[in-house]
Amino acid sequence: MVNLRVGAMKRVKIILTIVFSIFLIGCLASTRHSKPRPDPEGFRDIKWGAEISTLKDMERVKQDKSSNSDLVWYTREGDTLAIGEAKLENIFYSFWMGAFESVWIDFEGEENFEALRKELFELYGKVLESEGSMKKTGKKARSERSPTEGAGAFYTWGGKNTEVWLSYSKDRHKGTLTMNSRRISEERRDYEKEKEKEQRLRKRGF
């Protein structure tokens, strides 16, 4: 009886070993053939961190005097106002302390939104966040208005280098696509927090 039990246990162990090996091989094969998520190092042919002084085809955008002087916006001469099948209204490039930090793109109409969404899903795959997450992130728009005003949609993708944000307002029939350098944006946020802290201390007489 004992020998029968020992034999049965050995057979179970052999079966479990075979099943686990098949599962492990399947996982390795899936990982090997899975397409890595793209993580661009910039926008078009301009890399994040590129100095504005090295780019000759950029034109500075007029800004309100009250805006952050450390963050300057530019347009690019001869820029193609299209991504895939989507037609764009404009493309703005932001430089923080003279270094390329982000790009802001405006578009109009649900047709262009759907074209952009399709393009981004094909490129980046599953989103990190979806509708309604704008409030959670606390992300500020370039024009200080919320891209999610009214009924609409919001999607975001991200990697080690780049964050991508797509939003569309059905009420206004307008949307935005933004891409930014994760590293430089974090540096800017930390810098601005420290700057605000110093200003508060000065007001208190410290």
N, C-alpha and C. Protein backbone atom coordinates (compact mmCIF):
# COMPACT_ATOMS: atom_id res chain seq x y z
N MET A 1 0.84 -1.21 0.00
CA MET A 1 0.00 0.00 0.00
C MET A 1 0.87 1.26 0.00
N VAL A 2 1.94 1.23 0.83
CA VAL A 2 2.84 2.38 0.91
C VAL A 2 3.52 2.60 -0.43
N ASN A 3 3.95 1.50 -1.07
CA ASN A 3 4.61 1.61 -2.37
C ASN A 3 3.69 2.21 -3.42
N LEU A 4 2.38 1.85 -3.34
CA LEU A 4 1.41 2.40 -4.29
C LEU A 4 1.26 3.90 -4.11
N ARG A 5 1.23 4.33 -2.85
CA ARG A 5 1.10 5.77 -2.57
C ARG A 5 2.33 6.54 -3.06
N VAL A 6 3.50 5.96 -2.77
CA VAL A 6 4.74 6.61 -3.21
C VAL A 6 4.78 6.72 -4.72
N GLY A 7 4.35 5.65 -5.39
CA GLY A 7 4.33 5.67 -6.86
C GLY A 7 3.36 6.71 -7.40
N ALA A 8 2.18 6.80 -6.76
CA ALA A 8 1.19 7.78 -7.20
C ALA A 8 1.69 9.20 -7.01
N MET A 9 2.39 9.45 -5.89
CA MET A 9 2.93 10.78 -5.61
C MET A 9 4.00 11.15 -6.63
N LYS A 10 4.82 10.16 -7.00
CA LYS A 10 5.86 10.43 -8.00
C LYS A 10 5.25 10.79 -9.35
N ARG A 11 4.15 10.05 -9.70
CA ARG A 11 3.49 10.34 -10.98
C ARG A 11 2.89 11.74 -10.98
N VAL A 12 2.29 12.14 -9.84
CA VAL A 12 1.71 13.48 -9.72
C VAL A 12 2.79 14.55 -9.86
N LYS A 13 3.95 14.31 -9.21
CA LYS A 13 5.05 15.27 -9.30
C LYS A 13 5.56 15.40 -10.72
N ILE A 14 5.63 14.26 -11.43
CA ILE A 14 6.09 14.28 -12.82
C ILE A 14 5.13 15.08 -13.69
N ILE A 15 3.82 14.84 -13.50
CA ILE A 15 2.80 15.54 -14.27
C ILE A 15 2.85 17.04 -14.00
N LEU A 16 2.97 17.41 -12.70
CA LEU A 16 3.03 18.83 -12.34
C LEU A 16 4.28 19.50 -12.93
N THR A 17 5.40 18.74 -12.91
CA THR A 17 6.64 19.28 -13.49
C THR A 17 6.48 19.54 -14.98
N ILE A 18 5.83 18.60 -15.68
CA ILE A 18 5.61 18.76 -17.13
C ILE A 18 4.70 19.95 -17.41
N VAL A 19 3.60 20.06 -16.64
CA VAL A 19 2.64 21.16 -16.83
C VAL A 19 3.32 22.51 -16.58
N PHE A 20 4.12 22.60 -15.49
CA PHE A 20 4.81 23.84 -15.16
C PHE A 20 5.82 24.21 -16.25
N SER A 21 6.51 23.20 -16.77
CA SER A 21 7.49 23.46 -17.83
C SER A 21 6.82 24.01 -19.08
N ILE A 22 5.68 23.42 -19.44
CA ILE A 22 4.93 23.89 -20.62
C ILE A 22 4.47 25.33 -20.42
N PHE A 23 3.97 25.62 -19.20
CA PHE A 23 3.51 26.97 -18.87
C PHE A 23 4.66 27.98 -18.95
N LEU A 24 5.83 27.59 -18.39
CA LEU A 24 6.99 28.48 -18.39
C LEU A 24 7.48 28.75 -19.80
N ILE A 25 7.51 27.72 -20.65
CA ILE A 25 7.92 27.89 -22.04
C ILE A 25 6.97 28.83 -22.77
N GLY A 26 5.67 28.68 -22.50
CA GLY A 26 4.66 29.55 -23.12
C GLY A 26 4.85 31.00 -22.73
N CYS A 27 5.16 31.22 -21.44
CA CYS A 27 5.37 32.60 -20.96
C CYS A 27 6.60 33.22 -21.60
N LEU A 28 7.67 32.44 -21.69
CA LEU A 28 8.90 32.94 -22.30
C LEU A 28 8.70 33.25 -23.77
N ALA A 29 7.94 32.39 -24.45
CA ALA A 29 7.68 32.62 -25.88
C ALA A 29 6.83 33.86 -26.07
N SER A 30 5.84 34.05 -25.18
CA SER A 30 4.98 35.23 -25.28
C SER A 30 5.78 36.50 -25.06
N THR A 31 6.69 36.47 -24.07
CA THR A 31 7.53 37.63 -23.78
C THR A 31 8.46 37.94 -24.94
N ARG A 32 8.99 36.87 -25.55
CA ARG A 32 9.95 37.04 -26.64
C ARG A 32 9.30 37.69 -27.84
N HIS A 33 8.04 37.33 -28.11
CA HIS A 33 7.37 37.80 -29.31
C HIS A 33 6.50 39.04 -29.08
N SER A 34 6.32 39.46 -27.80
CA SER A 34 5.49 40.62 -27.53
C SER A 34 6.19 41.88 -28.00
N LYS A 35 5.43 42.79 -28.54
CA LYS A 35 5.98 44.02 -29.07
C LYS A 35 6.20 45.01 -27.93
N PRO A 36 7.43 45.50 -27.74
CA PRO A 36 7.69 46.45 -26.65
C PRO A 36 6.95 47.76 -26.89
N ARG A 37 6.51 48.40 -25.81
CA ARG A 37 5.82 49.68 -25.90
C ARG A 37 6.79 50.77 -26.33
N PRO A 38 6.50 51.51 -27.40
CA PRO A 38 7.40 52.58 -27.84
C PRO A 38 7.56 53.64 -26.75
N ASP A 39 8.73 54.18 -26.65
CA ASP A 39 9.01 55.23 -25.68
C ASP A 39 9.91 56.26 -26.35
N PRO A 40 9.29 57.18 -27.13
CA PRO A 40 10.09 58.14 -27.91
C PRO A 40 10.97 59.02 -27.03
N GLU A 41 12.07 59.48 -27.59
CA GLU A 41 13.00 60.34 -26.87
C GLU A 41 12.79 61.81 -27.23
N GLY A 42 11.69 62.10 -27.88
CA GLY A 42 11.39 63.47 -28.28
C GLY A 42 10.20 63.48 -29.22
N PHE A 43 10.04 64.55 -29.97
CA PHE A 43 8.94 64.68 -30.93
C PHE A 43 9.51 64.97 -32.30
N ARG A 44 9.13 64.10 -33.26
CA ARG A 44 9.67 64.19 -34.60
C ARG A 44 11.19 64.11 -34.52
N ASP A 45 11.92 65.06 -35.04
CA ASP A 45 13.38 64.92 -35.02
C ASP A 45 14.05 65.78 -33.95
N ILE A 46 13.27 66.27 -32.99
CA ILE A 46 13.84 67.07 -31.89
C ILE A 46 13.81 66.25 -30.60
N LYS A 47 14.96 66.00 -30.01
CA LYS A 47 15.03 65.20 -28.80
C LYS A 47 14.76 66.06 -27.57
N TRP A 48 14.17 65.41 -26.55
CA TRP A 48 13.94 66.11 -25.29
C TRP A 48 15.28 66.64 -24.77
N GLY A 49 15.25 67.86 -24.29
CA GLY A 49 16.45 68.47 -23.74
C GLY A 49 17.27 69.25 -24.76
N ALA A 50 16.87 69.19 -26.05
CA ALA A 50 17.60 69.94 -27.08
C ALA A 50 17.54 71.43 -26.76
N GLU A 51 18.64 72.12 -26.91
CA GLU A 51 18.70 73.55 -26.61
C GLU A 51 18.09 74.36 -27.74
N ILE A 52 17.28 75.34 -27.39
CA ILE A 52 16.62 76.18 -28.39
C ILE A 52 17.65 76.90 -29.25
N SER A 53 18.82 77.20 -28.70
CA SER A 53 19.85 77.92 -29.45
C SER A 53 20.41 77.11 -30.62
N THR A 54 20.18 75.77 -30.58
CA THR A 54 20.70 74.92 -31.66
C THR A 54 19.68 74.71 -32.78
N LEU A 55 18.45 75.23 -32.59
CA LEU A 55 17.39 75.04 -33.58
C LEU A 55 17.12 76.35 -34.31
N LYS A 56 17.25 76.33 -35.62
CA LYS A 56 17.18 77.57 -36.40
C LYS A 56 15.81 77.85 -37.02
N ASP A 57 14.87 76.88 -36.96
CA ASP A 57 13.58 77.08 -37.63
C ASP A 57 12.43 77.30 -36.66
N MET A 58 12.74 77.75 -35.42
CA MET A 58 11.72 77.97 -34.41
C MET A 58 11.38 79.46 -34.28
N GLU A 59 10.09 79.73 -34.10
CA GLU A 59 9.64 81.12 -33.92
C GLU A 59 8.92 81.24 -32.59
N ARG A 60 9.37 82.17 -31.78
CA ARG A 60 8.81 82.34 -30.44
C ARG A 60 7.38 82.84 -30.50
N VAL A 61 6.52 82.26 -29.64
CA VAL A 61 5.11 82.66 -29.56
C VAL A 61 4.96 83.78 -28.53
N LYS A 62 4.16 84.78 -28.86
CA LYS A 62 3.91 85.87 -27.91
C LYS A 62 3.20 85.32 -26.69
N GLN A 63 3.66 85.70 -25.51
CA GLN A 63 3.09 85.20 -24.27
C GLN A 63 2.68 86.35 -23.36
N ASP A 64 1.71 86.06 -22.51
CA ASP A 64 1.25 87.03 -21.53
C ASP A 64 2.38 87.34 -20.55
N LYS A 65 2.48 88.58 -20.13
CA LYS A 65 3.55 88.99 -19.22
C LYS A 65 3.50 88.25 -17.89
N SER A 66 2.31 87.79 -17.52
CA SER A 66 2.16 87.10 -16.24
C SER A 66 2.56 85.63 -16.32
N SER A 67 2.82 85.13 -17.53
CA SER A 67 3.16 83.72 -17.68
C SER A 67 4.57 83.43 -17.18
N ASN A 68 4.85 82.16 -16.95
CA ASN A 68 6.14 81.72 -16.44
C ASN A 68 7.24 82.05 -17.44
N SER A 69 8.17 82.93 -17.03
CA SER A 69 9.23 83.35 -17.95
C SER A 69 10.25 82.26 -18.22
N ASP A 70 10.27 81.23 -17.35
CA ASP A 70 11.21 80.12 -17.55
C ASP A 70 10.73 79.14 -18.62
N LEU A 71 9.44 79.21 -18.94
CA LEU A 71 8.83 78.30 -19.92
C LEU A 71 8.40 79.12 -21.14
N VAL A 72 9.02 78.87 -22.29
CA VAL A 72 8.76 79.65 -23.49
C VAL A 72 8.26 78.72 -24.60
N TRP A 73 7.23 79.22 -25.34
CA TRP A 73 6.60 78.42 -26.40
C TRP A 73 7.03 78.90 -27.78
N TYR A 74 7.15 77.93 -28.70
CA TYR A 74 7.57 78.22 -30.06
C TYR A 74 6.70 77.46 -31.06
N THR A 75 6.64 77.96 -32.28
CA THR A 75 6.11 77.19 -33.41
C THR A 75 7.30 76.89 -34.32
N ARG A 76 7.10 75.94 -35.23
CA ARG A 76 8.20 75.54 -36.11
C ARG A 76 7.85 75.83 -37.56
N GLU A 77 8.74 76.48 -38.24
CA GLU A 77 8.52 76.84 -39.63
C GLU A 77 8.41 75.59 -40.50
N GLY A 78 7.35 75.53 -41.32
CA GLY A 78 7.17 74.41 -42.23
C GLY A 78 6.69 73.13 -41.58
N ASP A 79 6.18 73.22 -40.35
CA ASP A 79 5.71 72.02 -39.64
C ASP A 79 4.54 71.36 -40.38
N THR A 80 4.52 70.03 -40.43
CA THR A 80 3.42 69.29 -41.03
C THR A 80 2.28 69.19 -40.02
N LEU A 81 1.15 69.82 -40.32
CA LEU A 81 0.02 69.83 -39.38
C LEU A 81 -0.87 68.61 -39.60
N ALA A 82 -0.28 67.45 -39.39
CA ALA A 82 -1.00 66.19 -39.51
C ALA A 82 -0.23 65.09 -38.79
N ILE A 83 -0.99 64.17 -38.19
CA ILE A 83 -0.42 62.94 -37.64
C ILE A 83 -1.29 61.81 -38.16
N GLY A 84 -0.73 60.97 -39.02
CA GLY A 84 -1.53 59.95 -39.66
C GLY A 84 -2.63 60.59 -40.49
N GLU A 85 -3.88 60.18 -40.26
CA GLU A 85 -5.03 60.73 -40.98
C GLU A 85 -5.61 61.96 -40.30
N ALA A 86 -5.11 62.30 -39.12
CA ALA A 86 -5.66 63.42 -38.36
C ALA A 86 -5.06 64.75 -38.81
N LYS A 87 -5.93 65.73 -39.01
CA LYS A 87 -5.49 67.09 -39.35
C LYS A 87 -5.40 67.92 -38.07
N LEU A 88 -4.33 68.69 -37.93
CA LEU A 88 -4.07 69.45 -36.72
C LEU A 88 -4.24 70.95 -36.97
N GLU A 89 -4.60 71.67 -35.92
CA GLU A 89 -4.75 73.12 -36.01
C GLU A 89 -3.40 73.81 -35.83
N ASN A 90 -2.63 73.35 -34.87
CA ASN A 90 -1.32 73.93 -34.62
C ASN A 90 -0.48 72.99 -33.77
N ILE A 91 0.81 73.26 -33.73
CA ILE A 91 1.75 72.51 -32.89
C ILE A 91 2.64 73.53 -32.18
N PHE A 92 2.66 73.49 -30.84
CA PHE A 92 3.49 74.38 -30.05
C PHE A 92 4.56 73.56 -29.32
N TYR A 93 5.77 74.08 -29.30
CA TYR A 93 6.89 73.43 -28.64
C TYR A 93 7.28 74.26 -27.42
N SER A 94 7.39 73.64 -26.26
CA SER A 94 7.77 74.39 -25.06
C SER A 94 9.21 74.06 -24.67
N PHE A 95 9.91 75.11 -24.26
CA PHE A 95 11.30 74.99 -23.81
C PHE A 95 11.41 75.57 -22.41
N TRP A 96 11.85 74.75 -21.49
CA TRP A 96 12.04 75.20 -20.11
C TRP A 96 13.52 75.44 -19.87
N MET A 97 13.85 76.63 -19.44
CA MET A 97 15.24 77.01 -19.25
C MET A 97 16.05 76.78 -20.54
N GLY A 98 15.36 76.94 -21.69
CA GLY A 98 16.03 76.76 -22.97
C GLY A 98 16.10 75.34 -23.46
N ALA A 99 15.59 74.36 -22.68
CA ALA A 99 15.65 72.95 -23.07
C ALA A 99 14.26 72.45 -23.48
N PHE A 100 14.19 71.67 -24.56
CA PHE A 100 12.92 71.17 -25.08
C PHE A 100 12.26 70.24 -24.08
N GLU A 101 11.06 70.65 -23.61
CA GLU A 101 10.37 69.88 -22.58
C GLU A 101 9.11 69.18 -23.08
N SER A 102 8.32 69.86 -23.92
CA SER A 102 7.04 69.27 -24.30
C SER A 102 6.52 69.82 -25.62
N VAL A 103 5.48 69.18 -26.12
CA VAL A 103 4.80 69.65 -27.33
C VAL A 103 3.30 69.63 -27.05
N TRP A 104 2.62 70.68 -27.52
CA TRP A 104 1.16 70.83 -27.33
C TRP A 104 0.53 70.94 -28.71
N ILE A 105 -0.46 70.10 -28.98
CA ILE A 105 -1.10 70.06 -30.30
C ILE A 105 -2.60 70.25 -30.15
N ASP A 106 -3.17 71.19 -30.91
CA ASP A 106 -4.62 71.42 -30.93
C ASP A 106 -5.22 70.81 -32.19
N PHE A 107 -6.43 70.28 -32.06
CA PHE A 107 -7.17 69.77 -33.23
C PHE A 107 -8.66 70.00 -33.01
N GLU A 108 -9.43 69.90 -34.07
CA GLU A 108 -10.87 70.11 -33.98
C GLU A 108 -11.62 68.94 -34.64
N GLY A 109 -12.79 68.64 -34.09
CA GLY A 109 -13.68 67.67 -34.71
C GLY A 109 -13.45 66.24 -34.24
N GLU A 110 -14.56 65.50 -34.11
CA GLU A 110 -14.51 64.13 -33.64
C GLU A 110 -13.78 63.20 -34.61
N GLU A 111 -13.86 63.52 -35.90
CA GLU A 111 -13.17 62.70 -36.90
C GLU A 111 -11.66 62.71 -36.67
N ASN A 112 -11.12 63.88 -36.39
CA ASN A 112 -9.69 63.98 -36.12
C ASN A 112 -9.32 63.35 -34.78
N PHE A 113 -10.22 63.47 -33.80
CA PHE A 113 -9.99 62.81 -32.51
C PHE A 113 -9.92 61.30 -32.69
N GLU A 114 -10.87 60.73 -33.44
CA GLU A 114 -10.88 59.28 -33.65
C GLU A 114 -9.64 58.84 -34.41
N ALA A 115 -9.20 59.65 -35.37
CA ALA A 115 -8.00 59.30 -36.14
C ALA A 115 -6.77 59.30 -35.24
N LEU A 116 -6.68 60.30 -34.36
CA LEU A 116 -5.55 60.36 -33.43
C LEU A 116 -5.60 59.22 -32.42
N ARG A 117 -6.78 58.96 -31.91
CA ARG A 117 -6.92 57.88 -30.93
C ARG A 117 -6.51 56.54 -31.54
N LYS A 118 -6.95 56.29 -32.77
CA LYS A 118 -6.58 55.06 -33.45
C LYS A 118 -5.07 54.97 -33.64
N GLU A 119 -4.47 56.08 -34.06
CA GLU A 119 -3.02 56.14 -34.28
C GLU A 119 -2.26 55.85 -32.99
N LEU A 120 -2.71 56.44 -31.88
CA LEU A 120 -2.01 56.28 -30.61
C LEU A 120 -2.21 54.89 -30.02
N PHE A 121 -3.41 54.32 -30.18
CA PHE A 121 -3.63 52.96 -29.68
C PHE A 121 -2.79 51.96 -30.46
N GLU A 122 -2.66 52.16 -31.77
CA GLU A 122 -1.83 51.26 -32.57
C GLU A 122 -0.36 51.38 -32.20
N LEU A 123 0.05 52.60 -31.84
CA LEU A 123 1.45 52.84 -31.52
C LEU A 123 1.80 52.42 -30.09
N TYR A 124 0.96 52.83 -29.11
CA TYR A 124 1.30 52.62 -27.71
C TYR A 124 0.54 51.49 -27.02
N GLY A 125 -0.54 51.01 -27.64
CA GLY A 125 -1.30 49.94 -27.02
C GLY A 125 -2.21 50.42 -25.91
N LYS A 126 -2.35 49.60 -24.87
CA LYS A 126 -3.27 49.87 -23.78
C LYS A 126 -2.91 51.17 -23.06
N VAL A 127 -3.94 51.95 -22.72
CA VAL A 127 -3.72 53.21 -22.02
C VAL A 127 -3.39 52.95 -20.55
N LEU A 128 -2.70 53.91 -19.94
CA LEU A 128 -2.41 53.83 -18.51
C LEU A 128 -3.59 54.31 -17.70
N GLU A 129 -4.28 55.37 -18.20
CA GLU A 129 -5.45 55.93 -17.54
C GLU A 129 -6.45 56.30 -18.61
N SER A 130 -7.70 56.50 -18.22
CA SER A 130 -8.73 56.84 -19.21
C SER A 130 -9.57 58.00 -18.75
N GLU A 131 -10.80 58.08 -19.25
CA GLU A 131 -11.68 59.21 -18.98
C GLU A 131 -11.73 59.56 -17.50
N GLY A 132 -11.77 60.85 -17.23
CA GLY A 132 -11.96 61.31 -15.86
C GLY A 132 -10.69 61.37 -15.03
N SER A 133 -9.55 60.96 -15.58
CA SER A 133 -8.33 60.94 -14.78
C SER A 133 -7.62 62.28 -14.76
N MET A 134 -8.07 63.25 -15.54
CA MET A 134 -7.43 64.56 -15.57
C MET A 134 -7.42 65.19 -14.17
N LYS A 135 -8.54 65.09 -13.45
CA LYS A 135 -8.63 65.69 -12.13
C LYS A 135 -7.66 65.03 -11.15
N LYS A 136 -7.46 63.70 -11.31
CA LYS A 136 -6.57 62.99 -10.41
C LYS A 136 -5.12 63.39 -10.63
N THR A 137 -4.75 63.64 -11.89
CA THR A 137 -3.36 63.96 -12.20
C THR A 137 -3.00 65.38 -11.85
N GLY A 138 -3.99 66.29 -11.89
CA GLY A 138 -3.72 67.69 -11.60
C GLY A 138 -2.92 68.37 -12.69
N LYS A 139 -2.93 67.80 -13.90
CA LYS A 139 -2.16 68.36 -15.01
C LYS A 139 -2.76 69.69 -15.44
N LYS A 140 -1.91 70.71 -15.65
CA LYS A 140 -2.36 72.03 -16.07
C LYS A 140 -2.21 72.19 -17.57
N ALA A 141 -3.19 72.79 -18.18
CA ALA A 141 -3.14 73.04 -19.61
C ALA A 141 -2.32 74.28 -19.91
N ARG A 142 -1.80 74.36 -21.14
CA ARG A 142 -0.98 75.50 -21.53
C ARG A 142 -1.74 76.81 -21.39
N SER A 143 -3.03 76.79 -21.75
CA SER A 143 -3.84 78.00 -21.71
C SER A 143 -4.59 78.15 -20.39
N GLU A 144 -4.23 77.28 -19.41
CA GLU A 144 -4.84 77.30 -18.09
C GLU A 144 -6.31 76.92 -18.10
N ARG A 145 -6.81 76.33 -19.20
CA ARG A 145 -8.18 75.82 -19.21
C ARG A 145 -8.12 74.30 -19.19
N SER A 146 -9.17 73.69 -18.70
CA SER A 146 -9.19 72.24 -18.63
C SER A 146 -9.59 71.64 -19.96
N PRO A 147 -8.76 70.75 -20.54
CA PRO A 147 -9.12 70.11 -21.80
C PRO A 147 -10.33 69.18 -21.66
N THR A 148 -10.74 68.88 -20.43
CA THR A 148 -11.87 67.99 -20.24
C THR A 148 -13.14 68.73 -19.86
N GLU A 149 -13.21 70.01 -20.18
CA GLU A 149 -14.45 70.75 -19.94
C GLU A 149 -15.57 70.13 -20.76
N GLY A 150 -16.72 69.94 -20.13
CA GLY A 150 -17.84 69.34 -20.84
C GLY A 150 -17.63 67.84 -21.04
N ALA A 151 -18.59 67.22 -21.71
CA ALA A 151 -18.50 65.78 -21.96
C ALA A 151 -17.35 65.52 -22.92
N GLY A 152 -16.58 64.50 -22.64
CA GLY A 152 -15.45 64.21 -23.52
C GLY A 152 -14.71 62.97 -23.08
N ALA A 153 -13.47 62.87 -23.51
CA ALA A 153 -12.66 61.70 -23.20
C ALA A 153 -11.23 62.12 -22.93
N PHE A 154 -10.52 61.29 -22.15
CA PHE A 154 -9.14 61.58 -21.81
C PHE A 154 -8.37 60.27 -21.71
N TYR A 155 -7.23 60.22 -22.38
CA TYR A 155 -6.39 59.02 -22.38
C TYR A 155 -4.94 59.42 -22.14
N THR A 156 -4.19 58.55 -21.49
CA THR A 156 -2.76 58.83 -21.32
C THR A 156 -1.94 57.55 -21.41
N TRP A 157 -0.80 57.69 -22.05
CA TRP A 157 0.18 56.62 -22.16
C TRP A 157 1.48 57.13 -21.57
N GLY A 158 2.37 56.24 -21.18
CA GLY A 158 3.63 56.73 -20.65
C GLY A 158 4.72 55.69 -20.62
N GLY A 159 5.94 56.15 -20.70
CA GLY A 159 7.12 55.30 -20.61
C GLY A 159 8.15 55.96 -19.73
N LYS A 160 9.36 55.47 -19.78
CA LYS A 160 10.45 56.03 -18.97
C LYS A 160 10.81 57.44 -19.46
N ASN A 161 10.74 57.64 -20.78
CA ASN A 161 11.14 58.93 -21.35
C ASN A 161 9.99 59.92 -21.53
N THR A 162 8.86 59.40 -22.00
CA THR A 162 7.80 60.28 -22.51
C THR A 162 6.43 59.97 -21.93
N GLU A 163 5.66 61.03 -21.64
CA GLU A 163 4.26 60.92 -21.26
C GLU A 163 3.42 61.47 -22.41
N VAL A 164 2.31 60.80 -22.72
CA VAL A 164 1.43 61.21 -23.81
C VAL A 164 0.02 61.39 -23.26
N TRP A 165 -0.62 62.54 -23.61
CA TRP A 165 -1.96 62.84 -23.12
C TRP A 165 -2.85 63.21 -24.31
N LEU A 166 -3.99 62.56 -24.42
CA LEU A 166 -4.96 62.87 -25.48
C LEU A 166 -6.29 63.19 -24.82
N SER A 167 -6.87 64.35 -25.14
CA SER A 167 -8.17 64.71 -24.58
C SER A 167 -9.05 65.32 -25.66
N TYR A 168 -10.36 65.18 -25.45
CA TYR A 168 -11.32 65.74 -26.41
C TYR A 168 -12.60 66.15 -25.70
N SER A 169 -13.06 67.37 -25.99
CA SER A 169 -14.32 67.87 -25.44
C SER A 169 -15.39 67.82 -26.52
N LYS A 170 -16.42 67.03 -26.30
CA LYS A 170 -17.52 66.93 -27.28
C LYS A 170 -18.33 68.22 -27.33
N ASP A 171 -18.40 68.93 -26.19
CA ASP A 171 -19.16 70.18 -26.16
C ASP A 171 -18.50 71.25 -27.03
N ARG A 172 -17.19 71.32 -26.98
CA ARG A 172 -16.47 72.35 -27.73
C ARG A 172 -15.99 71.85 -29.10
N HIS A 173 -16.08 70.53 -29.31
CA HIS A 173 -15.60 69.92 -30.56
C HIS A 173 -14.12 70.20 -30.78
N LYS A 174 -13.37 70.26 -29.68
CA LYS A 174 -11.95 70.52 -29.75
C LYS A 174 -11.19 69.56 -28.83
N GLY A 175 -9.94 69.35 -29.18
CA GLY A 175 -9.13 68.45 -28.37
C GLY A 175 -7.68 68.84 -28.38
N THR A 176 -6.91 68.18 -27.53
CA THR A 176 -5.47 68.44 -27.45
C THR A 176 -4.71 67.12 -27.34
N LEU A 177 -3.52 67.13 -27.87
CA LEU A 177 -2.57 66.03 -27.71
C LEU A 177 -1.29 66.65 -27.17
N THR A 178 -0.82 66.18 -26.04
CA THR A 178 0.43 66.69 -25.50
C THR A 178 1.39 65.54 -25.26
N MET A 179 2.67 65.83 -25.46
CA MET A 179 3.74 64.89 -25.18
C MET A 179 4.81 65.65 -24.42
N ASN A 180 5.36 65.03 -23.39
CA ASN A 180 6.39 65.73 -22.64
C ASN A 180 7.47 64.79 -22.13
N SER A 181 8.63 65.39 -21.90
CA SER A 181 9.74 64.65 -21.31
C SER A 181 9.44 64.43 -19.83
N ARG A 182 9.38 63.19 -19.40
CA ARG A 182 9.09 62.90 -18.00
C ARG A 182 10.17 63.50 -17.08
N ARG A 183 11.42 63.34 -17.47
CA ARG A 183 12.53 63.81 -16.64
C ARG A 183 12.51 65.33 -16.49
N ILE A 184 12.41 66.06 -17.61
CA ILE A 184 12.47 67.51 -17.55
C ILE A 184 11.23 68.08 -16.86
N SER A 185 10.06 67.48 -17.10
CA SER A 185 8.83 67.95 -16.46
C SER A 185 8.92 67.79 -14.95
N GLU A 186 9.49 66.68 -14.49
CA GLU A 186 9.65 66.47 -13.05
C GLU A 186 10.63 67.48 -12.46
N GLU A 187 11.71 67.74 -13.19
CA GLU A 187 12.68 68.74 -12.74
C GLU A 187 12.02 70.12 -12.64
N ARG A 188 11.18 70.46 -13.63
CA ARG A 188 10.50 71.76 -13.63
C ARG A 188 9.53 71.88 -12.46
N ARG A 189 8.76 70.81 -12.21
CA ARG A 189 7.80 70.85 -11.10
C ARG A 189 8.52 71.02 -9.76
N ASP A 190 9.63 70.29 -9.58
CA ASP A 190 10.40 70.41 -8.34
C ASP A 190 10.97 71.81 -8.19
N TYR A 191 11.46 72.36 -9.29
CA TYR A 191 12.05 73.71 -9.28
C TYR A 191 10.98 74.75 -8.93
N GLU A 192 9.80 74.63 -9.54
CA GLU A 192 8.73 75.60 -9.30
C GLU A 192 8.19 75.52 -7.87
N LYS A 193 8.14 74.30 -7.32
CA LYS A 193 7.71 74.14 -5.93
C LYS A 193 8.69 74.83 -4.99
N GLU A 194 9.99 74.64 -5.26
CA GLU A 194 11.01 75.26 -4.42
C GLU A 194 10.97 76.78 -4.56
N LYS A 195 10.72 77.25 -5.78
CA LYS A 195 10.64 78.69 -6.04
C LYS A 195 9.45 79.31 -5.29
N GLU A 196 8.30 78.63 -5.32
CA GLU A 196 7.11 79.11 -4.61
C GLU A 196 7.36 79.14 -3.10
N LYS A 197 8.06 78.13 -2.62
CA LYS A 197 8.37 78.07 -1.19
C LYS A 197 9.24 79.24 -0.77
N GLU A 198 10.26 79.55 -1.59
CA GLU A 198 11.15 80.68 -1.30
C GLU A 198 10.38 82.00 -1.32
N GLN A 199 9.45 82.16 -2.26
CA GLN A 199 8.65 83.38 -2.35
C GLN A 199 7.77 83.56 -1.11
N ARG A 200 7.18 82.47 -0.63
CA ARG A 200 6.35 82.53 0.58
C ARG A 200 7.18 82.94 1.79
N LEU A 201 8.39 82.40 1.88
CA LEU A 201 9.27 82.72 3.01
C LEU A 201 9.69 84.18 2.97
N ARG A 202 9.96 84.71 1.75
CA ARG A 202 10.35 86.11 1.62
C ARG A 202 9.21 87.05 2.08
N LYS A 203 7.96 86.67 1.72
CA LYS A 203 6.81 87.47 2.11
C LYS A 203 6.65 87.51 3.63
N ARG A 204 7.06 86.43 4.28
CA ARG A 204 6.94 86.37 5.73
C ARG A 204 8.13 87.03 6.44
N GLY A 205 9.08 87.51 5.63
CA GLY A 205 10.24 88.21 6.20
C GLY A 205 11.38 87.34 6.57
N PHE A 206 11.41 86.10 6.09
CA PHE A 206 12.53 85.21 6.41
C PHE A 206 13.66 85.36 5.39
